[in-house]
Amino acid sequence: MPFERYLPVLLLVGSNVFMTFAWYGHLKDKSAPLPSVILASWGIALFEYLLMVPANRIGHAVYSAPQLKGLQEVITLLVFAGFSTWYLGQPLKWNHWAGFCLIVAAAWLIFLE
């Protein structure tokens, strides 16, 4: 059924947006004290977990655990590529894309039956 196949992907995208902001959002303005940044990141990460855990629970009905992890890595790279370019103003270079393509190839291998 498409619901079980696509809902985990949507939840993973949402969780990755939150986690990318939690891990890298503070790099845009480094003036905030580190303890404040850590607490804010933990707060953001809570929302990531609220999406990630159901994504894995629902997704495991359709995907194996290694497939879920491979899917997660590809989504992470895509979200990070957009975040790095649009939020941080640091577009990816050819070597970054080449490295990401190798990770995508690894994830594709995980899906082979």
C-alpha atoms as a PDB file:
ATOM      1  CA  MET A   1       0.000   0.000   0.000  1.00  0.00           C
ATOM      2  CA  PRO A   2       1.438   3.437  -0.913  1.00  0.00           C
ATOM      3  CA  PHE A   3       0.609   4.972   2.491  1.00  0.00           C
ATOM      4  CA  GLU A   4       3.020   2.691   4.349  1.00  0.00           C
ATOM      5  CA  ARG A   5       5.661   3.171   1.671  1.00  0.00           C
ATOM      6  CA  TYR A   6       5.574   6.993   1.418  1.00  0.00           C
ATOM      7  CA  LEU A   7       4.582   8.193   4.880  1.00  0.00           C
ATOM      8  CA  PRO A   8       7.946   7.151   6.382  1.00  0.00           C
ATOM      9  CA  VAL A   9       9.726   9.098   3.636  1.00  0.00           C
ATOM     10  CA  LEU A  10       7.716  12.248   4.402  1.00  0.00           C
ATOM     11  CA  LEU A  11       8.324  11.853   8.123  1.00  0.00           C
ATOM     12  CA  LEU A  12      12.046  11.323   7.507  1.00  0.00           C
ATOM     13  CA  VAL A  13      12.223  14.484   5.411  1.00  0.00           C
ATOM     14  CA  GLY A  14      10.543  16.457   8.187  1.00  0.00           C
ATOM     15  CA  SER A  15      12.763  14.980  10.874  1.00  0.00           C
ATOM     16  CA  ASN A  16      15.857  15.779   8.822  1.00  0.00           C
ATOM     17  CA  VAL A  17      14.845  19.396   8.427  1.00  0.00           C
ATOM     18  CA  PHE A  18      14.597  19.729  12.207  1.00  0.00           C
ATOM     19  CA  MET A  19      17.855  17.862  12.829  1.00  0.00           C
ATOM     20  CA  THR A  20      19.771  19.849  10.240  1.00  0.00           C
ATOM     21  CA  PHE A  21      18.704  23.073  11.951  1.00  0.00           C
ATOM     22  CA  ALA A  22      19.590  21.576  15.343  1.00  0.00           C
ATOM     23  CA  TRP A  23      23.080  20.550  14.216  1.00  0.00           C
ATOM     24  CA  TYR A  24      24.027  23.279  11.759  1.00  0.00           C
ATOM     25  CA  GLY A  25      21.640  26.228  12.144  1.00  0.00           C
ATOM     26  CA  HIS A  26      23.820  27.907  14.748  1.00  0.00           C
ATOM     27  CA  LEU A  27      26.708  28.176  12.274  1.00  0.00           C
ATOM     28  CA  LYS A  28      25.041  31.142  10.597  1.00  0.00           C
ATOM     29  CA  ASP A  29      25.367  33.283  13.737  1.00  0.00           C
ATOM     30  CA  LYS A  30      28.217  32.254  16.015  1.00  0.00           C
ATOM     31  CA  SER A  31      27.667  35.047  18.565  1.00  0.00           C
ATOM     32  CA  ALA A  32      25.292  33.016  20.774  1.00  0.00           C
ATOM     33  CA  PRO A  33      26.929  31.364  23.801  1.00  0.00           C
ATOM     34  CA  LEU A  34      27.614  27.671  23.289  1.00  0.00           C
ATOM     35  CA  PRO A  35      25.475  26.471  26.260  1.00  0.00           C
ATOM     36  CA  SER A  36      22.479  28.351  24.809  1.00  0.00           C
ATOM     37  CA  VAL A  37      23.108  26.839  21.394  1.00  0.00           C
ATOM     38  CA  ILE A  38      23.284  23.349  22.898  1.00  0.00           C
ATOM     39  CA  LEU A  39      19.992  23.797  24.767  1.00  0.00           C
ATOM     40  CA  ALA A  40      18.276  25.219  21.693  1.00  0.00           C
ATOM     41  CA  SER A  41      19.594  22.311  19.616  1.00  0.00           C
ATOM     42  CA  TRP A  42      18.202  19.812  22.122  1.00  0.00           C
ATOM     43  CA  GLY A  43      14.839  21.527  21.942  1.00  0.00           C
ATOM     44  CA  ILE A  44      14.826  21.349  18.145  1.00  0.00           C
ATOM     45  CA  ALA A  45      15.992  17.728  18.260  1.00  0.00           C
ATOM     46  CA  LEU A  46      12.893  16.795  20.285  1.00  0.00           C
ATOM     47  CA  PHE A  47      10.765  17.567  17.229  1.00  0.00           C
ATOM     48  CA  GLU A  48      13.146  15.506  15.104  1.00  0.00           C
ATOM     49  CA  TYR A  49      12.571  12.511  17.371  1.00  0.00           C
ATOM     50  CA  LEU A  50       8.805  13.031  17.292  1.00  0.00           C
ATOM     51  CA  LEU A  51       8.987  12.428  13.527  1.00  0.00           C
ATOM     52  CA  MET A  52      11.918   9.991  13.291  1.00  0.00           C
ATOM     53  CA  VAL A  53      10.635   7.360  15.701  1.00  0.00           C
ATOM     54  CA  PRO A  54       7.215   7.014  14.011  1.00  0.00           C
ATOM     55  CA  ALA A  55       8.923   7.064  10.598  1.00  0.00           C
ATOM     56  CA  ASN A  56      11.031   4.074  11.574  1.00  0.00           C
ATOM     57  CA  ARG A  57       8.167   2.268  13.297  1.00  0.00           C
ATOM     58  CA  ILE A  58       5.804   2.715  10.336  1.00  0.00           C
ATOM     59  CA  GLY A  59       8.542   2.209   7.775  1.00  0.00           C
ATOM     60  CA  HIS A  60       9.705  -1.077   9.278  1.00  0.00           C
ATOM     61  CA  ALA A  61       6.444  -2.649   8.115  1.00  0.00           C
ATOM     62  CA  VAL A  62       7.635  -2.097   4.534  1.00  0.00           C
ATOM     63  CA  TYR A  63      11.413  -1.657   4.697  1.00  0.00           C
ATOM     64  CA  SER A  64      14.154  -3.579   6.481  1.00  0.00           C
ATOM     65  CA  ALA A  65      16.209  -1.741   9.104  1.00  0.00           C
ATOM     66  CA  PRO A  66      19.197  -1.416   6.711  1.00  0.00           C
ATOM     67  CA  GLN A  67      16.899  -0.054   4.004  1.00  0.00           C
ATOM     68  CA  LEU A  68      15.478   2.508   6.428  1.00  0.00           C
ATOM     69  CA  LYS A  69      18.999   3.603   7.311  1.00  0.00           C
ATOM     70  CA  GLY A  70      20.005   3.883   3.657  1.00  0.00           C
ATOM     71  CA  LEU A  71      16.884   5.911   2.927  1.00  0.00           C
ATOM     72  CA  GLN A  72      17.647   8.118   5.914  1.00  0.00           C
ATOM     73  CA  GLU A  73      21.168   8.839   4.640  1.00  0.00           C
ATOM     74  CA  VAL A  74      19.987   9.869   1.178  1.00  0.00           C
ATOM     75  CA  ILE A  75      17.295  12.129   2.636  1.00  0.00           C
ATOM     76  CA  THR A  76      19.852  13.634   5.023  1.00  0.00           C
ATOM     77  CA  LEU A  77      22.155  14.495   2.137  1.00  0.00           C
ATOM     78  CA  LEU A  78      19.398  16.099   0.091  1.00  0.00           C
ATOM     79  CA  VAL A  79      18.117  18.161   3.014  1.00  0.00           C
ATOM     80  CA  PHE A  80      21.650  19.202   3.929  1.00  0.00           C
ATOM     81  CA  ALA A  81      22.486  20.200   0.358  1.00  0.00           C
ATOM     82  CA  GLY A  82      19.515  22.572   0.285  1.00  0.00           C
ATOM     83  CA  PHE A  83      20.222  23.869   3.785  1.00  0.00           C
ATOM     84  CA  SER A  84      23.887  24.514   3.070  1.00  0.00           C
ATOM     85  CA  THR A  85      23.086  26.421  -0.101  1.00  0.00           C
ATOM     86  CA  TRP A  86      19.996  28.396   0.902  1.00  0.00           C
ATOM     87  CA  TYR A  87      20.421  28.932   4.640  1.00  0.00           C
ATOM     88  CA  LEU A  88      24.190  29.002   5.134  1.00  0.00           C
ATOM     89  CA  GLY A  89      25.023  30.401   1.698  1.00  0.00           C
ATOM     90  CA  GLN A  90      27.599  27.657   1.104  1.00  0.00           C
ATOM     91  CA  PRO A  91      26.755  25.839  -2.128  1.00  0.00           C
ATOM     92  CA  LEU A  92      28.205  22.399  -2.596  1.00  0.00           C
ATOM     93  CA  LYS A  93      31.151  21.902  -4.919  1.00  0.00           C
ATOM     94  CA  TRP A  94      31.681  19.109  -7.415  1.00  0.00           C
ATOM     95  CA  ASN A  95      33.616  16.964  -4.944  1.00  0.00           C
ATOM     96  CA  HIS A  96      30.834  17.231  -2.372  1.00  0.00           C
ATOM     97  CA  TRP A  97      28.297  16.103  -4.967  1.00  0.00           C
ATOM     98  CA  ALA A  98      30.618  13.289  -6.078  1.00  0.00           C
ATOM     99  CA  GLY A  99      30.936  12.068  -2.490  1.00  0.00           C
ATOM    100  CA  PHE A 100      27.188  12.294  -1.979  1.00  0.00           C
ATOM    101  CA  CYS A 101      26.635  10.305  -5.186  1.00  0.00           C
ATOM    102  CA  LEU A 102      28.813   7.517  -3.799  1.00  0.00           C
ATOM    103  CA  ILE A 103      26.666   7.433  -0.663  1.00  0.00           C
ATOM    104  CA  VAL A 104      23.523   7.315  -2.810  1.00  0.00           C
ATOM    105  CA  ALA A 105      25.046   4.418  -4.751  1.00  0.00           C
ATOM    106  CA  ALA A 106      25.699   2.610  -1.451  1.00  0.00           C
ATOM    107  CA  ALA A 107      22.086   3.184  -0.384  1.00  0.00           C
ATOM    108  CA  TRP A 108      20.871   1.858  -3.742  1.00  0.00           C
ATOM    109  CA  LEU A 109      22.864  -1.345  -3.161  1.00  0.00           C
ATOM    110  CA  ILE A 110      21.064  -1.814   0.153  1.00  0.00           C
ATOM    111  CA  PHE A 111      17.725  -1.902  -1.702  1.00  0.00           C
ATOM    112  CA  LEU A 112      18.779  -4.656  -4.105  1.00  0.00           C
ATOM    113  CA  GLU A 113      17.072  -7.935  -3.289  1.00  0.00           C
END
